[in-house]
Amino acid sequence: MKYFLGVDAGGSKTHAMIADEQGKVIGVGKGGIGNHQINREQAVNSLQQAISEAIMASGLIKDQLDYSWFGLAGADREADFRILRPIIRSFDLPQTEISCDTWIALRSGTEKNYGIVLICGSGVNCSGKNPLGATYQCGGFGYRFGDYGGGYDLSIEVFRSVLRADEGREKETVLTERLTELLGYSNVSELREDYLDHFRDLPPHIAELLFQAAEEGDQVATELLVKQGDELGLAAASAIHRLGMEEDFFDIVLAGSLLTKGDRSGIIRRAIERRVKLSAPNGTLRILTREPVVGSVVLAMESSGMRVDQKVLDNLSQGKVLNTIG
């Protein structure tokens, strides 16, 4: 029997999963922040903890793992890989591979080994792989480098919209009452003065107010969510064009908490679809329902030369999950 380790390390949590060649999950582990760009020492500790827990739960030893795949947030450029390769080698596992966590979300979300993935959580990212194996990443580096949206950016947009509405530069919005209440202020003037006097970060969960307001018909909130969807659709269209996938049949996997949990009314999703269909009429949107760590295990299996069929994928999907998708 062969055994495979998959790891999903993100900005808030780290998951590890060990499965046999039939897809039966025999060990899981978890840790905290796994992004080296946030805190390198903490990321190393989180990875070590998750791996150790999974191995201990499986009853195996490291040498029994045929292949291990690490999907890591922040693994975007060669500069990142120069940092990450020694870290992964230090775990002394037989065979390993590293990728950005976008790729494991893609592989978890589609039965094919190619497609497009859009991530919208605390930030945004887009990656694609065509049937020939060529890959392309569009964005993932923040607003300054061309991105728009995700929890951090949308929280700023909510804040800006409330201040602009108070000044008469924006339509009136229910976001005003929701934001001041959430942040603990009696009115917008008090909020403005306090933030002018003190440097404060805006919590990304402010973005959740957009969905609540939009569901009530608030125009400002709805327009911001439509813009988010349009921007994600533009990123997907760019990847589709670069990879020559305009005529292909493939899945566009939607991942990240704002797409998998927040967009209940489908405002963002419909805007993405409108934009994508202009470039690739045969592309199909699919919301990620499996844990991304499942994609890591599948990629480990495929890297070892194994063909992953539907039964194996179903077995992995039914394995114990450690948390909700985020």
Protein backbone atom coordinates (compact mmCIF):
# COMPACT_ATOMS: atom_id res chain seq x y z
CA MET A 1 0.00 0.00 0.00
CA LYS A 2 1.23 3.49 -0.86
CA TYR A 3 0.64 6.52 1.37
CA PHE A 4 0.46 10.21 0.52
CA LEU A 5 0.63 13.43 2.52
CA GLY A 6 -1.10 16.62 1.45
CA VAL A 7 -0.66 19.98 3.20
CA ASP A 8 -2.65 23.20 2.86
CA ALA A 9 -0.97 26.12 4.63
CA GLY A 10 -2.70 29.50 4.52
CA GLY A 11 -2.78 32.86 6.22
CA SER A 12 -4.85 31.66 9.16
CA LYS A 13 -4.57 27.88 9.38
CA THR A 14 -2.66 24.81 8.24
CA HIS A 15 -4.18 21.42 7.38
CA ALA A 16 -2.38 18.13 6.78
CA MET A 17 -3.96 14.92 5.50
CA ILE A 18 -2.53 11.43 4.92
CA ALA A 19 -4.36 8.94 2.71
CA ASP A 20 -3.63 5.57 1.16
CA GLU A 21 -3.73 4.85 -2.58
CA GLN A 22 -7.45 4.10 -2.40
CA GLY A 23 -8.14 7.57 -1.01
CA LYS A 24 -8.89 6.38 2.50
CA VAL A 25 -7.91 9.13 4.95
CA ILE A 26 -5.87 7.64 7.79
CA GLY A 27 -4.46 10.73 9.48
CA VAL A 28 -5.12 14.45 9.80
CA GLY A 29 -3.38 17.31 11.57
CA LYS A 30 -3.75 21.03 11.98
CA GLY A 31 -1.71 24.09 12.82
CA GLY A 32 -1.94 27.87 12.81
CA ILE A 33 -0.64 30.46 10.35
CA GLY A 34 1.27 28.76 7.53
CA ASN A 35 2.27 31.72 5.36
CA HIS A 36 5.99 32.47 5.67
CA GLN A 37 5.40 36.03 4.46
CA ILE A 38 3.34 36.76 7.59
CA ASN A 39 5.59 35.08 10.14
CA ARG A 40 8.27 32.64 9.01
CA GLU A 41 8.95 31.07 12.40
CA GLN A 42 5.28 30.60 13.11
CA ALA A 43 4.73 29.11 9.65
CA VAL A 44 7.47 26.54 10.24
CA ASN A 45 5.98 25.61 13.61
CA SER A 46 2.48 25.32 12.13
CA LEU A 47 3.67 23.06 9.33
CA GLN A 48 5.63 20.88 11.74
CA GLN A 49 2.67 20.58 14.09
CA ALA A 50 0.18 19.67 11.36
CA ILE A 51 2.53 17.11 9.78
CA SER A 52 3.42 15.53 13.12
CA GLU A 53 -0.22 15.22 14.15
CA ALA A 54 -1.16 13.63 10.82
CA ILE A 55 1.71 11.13 10.94
CA MET A 56 0.99 10.22 14.55
CA ALA A 57 -2.71 9.73 13.81
CA SER A 58 -1.91 7.54 10.79
CA GLY A 59 0.36 5.19 12.71
CA LEU A 60 3.00 5.53 9.99
CA ILE A 61 6.56 6.77 10.04
CA LYS A 62 7.93 9.40 7.64
CA ASP A 63 9.71 6.85 5.44
CA GLN A 64 6.40 5.17 4.62
CA LEU A 65 5.12 8.29 2.84
CA ASP A 66 5.56 7.84 -0.90
CA TYR A 67 4.98 11.47 -1.84
CA SER A 68 4.07 14.73 -0.08
CA TRP A 69 2.64 17.85 -1.69
CA PHE A 70 2.65 21.25 0.02
CA GLY A 71 0.17 23.90 -1.13
CA LEU A 72 1.50 27.05 0.51
CA ALA A 73 0.11 30.57 0.63
CA GLY A 74 2.85 32.97 -0.42
CA ALA A 75 4.58 30.46 -2.72
CA ASP A 76 4.29 32.75 -5.72
CA ARG A 77 7.81 33.52 -6.98
CA GLU A 78 11.26 31.98 -7.12
CA ALA A 79 12.26 34.30 -4.27
CA ASP A 80 9.61 32.53 -2.14
CA PHE A 81 10.72 29.07 -3.21
CA ARG A 82 14.31 29.81 -2.19
CA ILE A 83 12.98 30.32 1.34
CA LEU A 84 10.47 27.47 1.29
CA ARG A 85 12.57 24.64 -0.18
CA PRO A 86 14.98 24.46 2.81
CA ILE A 87 12.02 24.59 5.21
CA ILE A 88 10.30 21.66 3.54
CA ARG A 89 13.57 19.72 3.28
CA SER A 90 14.04 20.13 7.03
CA PHE A 91 10.98 17.92 7.61
CA ASP A 92 12.98 14.99 6.18
CA LEU A 93 10.21 13.50 4.04
CA PRO A 94 11.08 11.07 1.19
CA GLN A 95 9.69 12.97 -1.82
CA THR A 96 8.15 16.43 -1.74
CA GLU A 97 6.79 19.14 -4.01
CA ILE A 98 5.75 22.74 -3.31
CA SER A 99 3.16 24.87 -5.06
CA CYS A 100 1.09 27.95 -4.40
CA ASP A 101 -2.14 27.11 -2.59
CA THR A 102 -4.12 28.20 -5.65
CA TRP A 103 -3.14 24.97 -7.41
CA ILE A 104 -4.46 22.71 -4.67
CA ALA A 105 -7.76 24.62 -4.63
CA LEU A 106 -8.02 24.08 -8.39
CA ARG A 107 -7.26 20.36 -8.17
CA SER A 108 -9.67 19.91 -5.27
CA GLY A 109 -12.46 21.67 -7.12
CA THR A 110 -12.46 19.84 -10.45
CA GLU A 111 -12.28 16.26 -11.64
CA LYS A 112 -10.00 17.41 -14.48
CA ASN A 113 -6.30 18.13 -14.06
CA TYR A 114 -6.65 21.56 -15.69
CA GLY A 115 -8.88 24.62 -15.45
CA ILE A 116 -9.05 28.06 -13.84
CA VAL A 117 -9.24 28.89 -10.15
CA LEU A 118 -10.41 32.18 -8.64
CA ILE A 119 -9.73 32.80 -4.96
CA CYS A 120 -11.44 35.56 -3.03
CA GLY A 121 -10.83 35.39 0.69
CA SER A 122 -8.78 37.93 2.63
CA GLY A 123 -7.19 38.74 -0.76
CA VAL A 124 -7.66 37.61 -4.35
CA ASN A 125 -5.76 35.38 -6.75
CA CYS A 126 -6.27 33.69 -10.11
CA SER A 127 -4.36 30.82 -11.68
CA GLY A 128 -4.94 28.58 -14.67
CA LYS A 129 -3.63 25.43 -16.30
CA ASN A 130 -4.51 24.32 -19.83
CA PRO A 131 -4.90 20.73 -21.12
CA LEU A 132 -1.27 20.77 -22.34
CA GLY A 133 0.02 21.58 -18.85
CA ALA A 134 0.97 25.24 -19.41
CA THR A 135 0.22 27.47 -16.40
CA TYR A 136 -0.39 31.14 -15.75
CA GLN A 137 -0.98 33.21 -12.61
CA CYS A 138 -2.84 36.52 -12.85
CA GLY A 139 -2.50 38.73 -9.79
CA GLY A 140 -2.28 37.70 -6.18
CA PHE A 141 0.00 40.53 -5.05
CA GLY A 142 -2.47 43.17 -3.87
CA TYR A 143 -4.09 46.39 -4.99
CA ARG A 144 -0.83 48.19 -5.82
CA PHE A 145 0.02 45.45 -8.31
CA GLY A 146 -3.33 45.47 -10.09
CA ASP A 147 -5.63 43.37 -7.90
CA TYR A 148 -8.98 44.48 -6.55
CA GLY A 149 -10.93 43.05 -3.69
CA GLY A 150 -10.91 40.33 -1.13
CA GLY A 151 -11.73 40.97 2.51
CA TYR A 152 -9.02 43.57 3.10
CA ASP A 153 -9.76 45.73 0.06
CA LEU A 154 -13.52 45.43 0.37
CA SER A 155 -13.35 46.51 4.02
CA ILE A 156 -11.63 49.69 2.86
CA GLU A 157 -14.29 50.15 0.18
CA VAL A 158 -17.03 49.90 2.83
CA PHE A 159 -15.21 52.42 5.03
CA ARG A 160 -14.72 54.81 2.09
CA SER A 161 -18.31 54.48 0.95
CA VAL A 162 -19.64 55.34 4.40
CA LEU A 163 -17.43 58.42 4.68
CA ARG A 164 -18.31 59.52 1.14
CA ALA A 165 -22.02 59.06 1.79
CA ASP A 166 -21.74 61.16 4.94
CA GLU A 167 -20.13 63.94 2.88
CA GLY A 168 -22.67 63.69 0.07
CA ARG A 169 -20.20 62.22 -2.42
CA GLU A 170 -21.95 58.83 -2.46
CA LYS A 171 -25.53 57.58 -2.27
CA GLU A 172 -27.01 57.00 1.16
CA THR A 173 -26.39 53.45 2.30
CA VAL A 174 -27.37 51.15 5.15
CA LEU A 175 -23.66 50.43 5.44
CA THR A 176 -23.39 53.65 7.47
CA GLU A 177 -25.42 52.32 10.37
CA ARG A 178 -23.93 48.83 10.09
CA LEU A 179 -20.31 50.01 10.07
CA THR A 180 -20.56 52.50 12.92
CA GLU A 181 -22.34 49.91 15.05
CA LEU A 182 -19.78 47.21 14.21
CA LEU A 183 -16.82 49.45 15.05
CA GLY A 184 -18.44 50.91 18.15
CA TYR A 185 -19.11 54.54 17.19
CA SER A 186 -22.27 56.59 17.63
CA ASN A 187 -21.95 58.38 14.28
CA VAL A 188 -19.71 58.81 11.24
CA SER A 189 -18.10 62.02 12.51
CA GLU A 190 -16.88 60.25 15.63
CA LEU A 191 -15.56 57.39 13.53
CA ARG A 192 -13.77 59.73 11.13
CA GLU A 193 -12.09 61.77 13.86
CA ASP A 194 -10.89 58.71 15.74
CA TYR A 195 -9.41 57.14 12.63
CA LEU A 196 -7.75 60.42 11.65
CA ASP A 197 -6.18 60.69 15.11
CA HIS A 198 -5.11 57.06 15.44
CA PHE A 199 -3.72 54.63 12.92
CA ARG A 200 -6.04 51.64 12.96
CA ASP A 201 -6.30 48.63 10.70
CA LEU A 202 -9.73 47.77 9.39
CA PRO A 203 -10.79 44.21 10.23
CA PRO A 204 -11.42 42.25 7.01
CA HIS A 205 -14.72 40.89 8.31
CA ILE A 206 -16.18 44.35 7.62
CA ALA A 207 -16.60 43.02 4.07
CA GLU A 208 -19.36 40.74 5.36
CA LEU A 209 -21.54 43.82 5.76
CA LEU A 210 -21.68 44.11 1.98
CA PHE A 211 -23.52 40.82 1.60
CA GLN A 212 -26.05 41.67 4.30
CA ALA A 213 -26.73 45.09 2.80
CA ALA A 214 -26.93 43.82 -0.78
CA GLU A 215 -29.47 41.18 0.20
CA GLU A 216 -31.63 44.05 1.46
CA GLY A 217 -31.33 45.85 -1.87
CA ASP A 218 -28.70 48.44 -0.91
CA GLN A 219 -27.35 49.90 -4.15
CA VAL A 220 -23.92 50.90 -2.87
CA ALA A 221 -23.23 47.43 -1.49
CA THR A 222 -24.56 45.74 -4.62
CA GLU A 223 -22.36 47.84 -6.89
CA LEU A 224 -19.25 47.00 -4.88
CA LEU A 225 -19.99 43.27 -5.07
CA VAL A 226 -20.67 43.48 -8.80
CA LYS A 227 -17.35 45.26 -9.26
CA GLN A 228 -15.64 42.50 -7.27
CA GLY A 229 -17.14 39.88 -9.56
CA ASP A 230 -16.26 41.81 -12.68
CA GLU A 231 -12.63 42.16 -11.56
CA LEU A 232 -12.39 38.45 -10.81
CA GLY A 233 -13.92 37.72 -14.19
CA LEU A 234 -11.32 39.95 -15.86
CA ALA A 235 -8.53 37.98 -14.16
CA ALA A 236 -10.05 34.70 -15.31
CA ALA A 237 -10.46 36.02 -18.85
CA SER A 238 -6.81 37.09 -18.88
CA ALA A 239 -5.66 33.62 -17.80
CA ILE A 240 -7.96 31.97 -20.34
CA HIS A 241 -6.53 34.11 -23.14
CA ARG A 242 -2.89 33.61 -22.11
CA LEU A 243 -3.42 29.85 -22.02
CA GLY A 244 -5.39 29.65 -25.27
CA MET A 245 -8.40 28.04 -23.60
CA GLU A 246 -11.16 30.04 -25.33
CA GLU A 247 -12.62 26.97 -27.07
CA ASP A 248 -11.92 24.41 -24.33
CA PHE A 249 -14.38 22.78 -21.95
CA PHE A 250 -13.13 23.33 -18.39
CA ASP A 251 -14.14 24.32 -14.85
CA ILE A 252 -13.62 27.70 -13.21
CA VAL A 253 -13.28 26.83 -9.53
CA LEU A 254 -14.44 29.50 -7.07
CA ALA A 255 -12.59 29.33 -3.76
CA GLY A 256 -12.08 31.50 -0.69
CA SER A 257 -14.58 32.45 1.98
CA LEU A 258 -16.20 35.37 0.14
CA LEU A 259 -17.11 33.09 -2.77
CA THR A 260 -17.83 29.82 -0.95
CA LYS A 261 -19.69 31.24 2.05
CA GLY A 262 -20.34 34.95 1.66
CA ASP A 263 -21.90 35.21 -1.80
CA ARG A 264 -25.15 33.45 -0.92
CA SER A 265 -27.23 35.58 -3.27
CA GLY A 266 -24.79 34.98 -6.15
CA ILE A 267 -24.10 38.64 -7.01
CA ILE A 268 -20.35 38.12 -7.37
CA ARG A 269 -20.79 34.78 -9.10
CA ARG A 270 -23.14 36.16 -11.75
CA ALA A 271 -20.76 39.03 -12.50
CA ILE A 272 -17.86 36.58 -12.89
CA GLU A 273 -19.91 34.39 -15.21
CA ARG A 274 -20.95 37.31 -17.44
CA ARG A 275 -17.32 38.31 -17.92
CA VAL A 276 -15.96 34.77 -18.36
CA LYS A 277 -18.59 33.70 -20.89
CA LEU A 278 -17.44 36.47 -23.23
CA SER A 279 -14.03 34.80 -23.41
CA ALA A 280 -14.83 31.12 -22.95
CA PRO A 281 -18.45 30.08 -23.52
CA ASN A 282 -17.63 26.48 -22.55
CA GLY A 283 -16.23 27.35 -19.14
CA THR A 284 -18.34 26.20 -16.16
CA LEU A 285 -18.29 27.86 -12.74
CA ARG A 286 -17.97 25.48 -9.79
CA ILE A 287 -17.95 26.47 -6.13
CA LEU A 288 -15.28 24.62 -4.16
CA THR A 289 -17.00 22.26 -1.73
CA ARG A 290 -14.08 20.01 -0.79
CA GLU A 291 -11.30 20.98 1.57
CA PRO A 292 -8.35 22.38 -0.46
CA VAL A 293 -6.05 19.91 1.30
CA VAL A 294 -7.75 17.18 -0.76
CA GLY A 295 -6.14 18.78 -3.81
CA SER A 296 -2.72 18.45 -2.18
CA VAL A 297 -3.22 14.73 -1.66
CA VAL A 298 -4.41 14.28 -5.25
CA LEU A 299 -1.38 16.15 -6.61
CA ALA A 300 0.91 14.00 -4.44
CA MET A 301 -0.73 10.88 -5.87
CA GLU A 302 -0.46 12.07 -9.46
CA SER A 303 3.17 13.12 -8.97
CA SER A 304 4.00 9.58 -7.94
CA GLY A 305 2.57 8.30 -11.23
CA MET A 306 -0.78 7.20 -9.88
CA ARG A 307 -4.02 7.82 -11.80
CA VAL A 308 -6.67 9.30 -9.53
CA ASP A 309 -10.13 8.04 -10.47
CA GLN A 310 -13.53 9.16 -9.23
CA LYS A 311 -13.65 6.53 -6.49
CA VAL A 312 -10.39 7.73 -4.98
CA LEU A 313 -11.57 11.33 -5.16
CA ASP A 314 -14.86 10.41 -3.50
CA ASN A 315 -13.03 8.60 -0.71
CA LEU A 316 -10.80 11.62 -0.09
CA SER A 317 -13.81 13.93 -0.09
CA GLN A 318 -15.51 11.84 2.58
CA GLY A 319 -12.46 11.93 4.84
CA LYS A 320 -12.54 13.81 8.12
CA VAL A 321 -12.37 17.58 7.67
CA LEU A 322 -10.70 19.83 10.21
CA ASN A 323 -12.54 23.07 9.60
CA THR A 324 -14.84 24.81 7.18
CA ILE A 325 -13.45 26.04 3.91
CA GLY A 326 -12.11 29.58 4.24
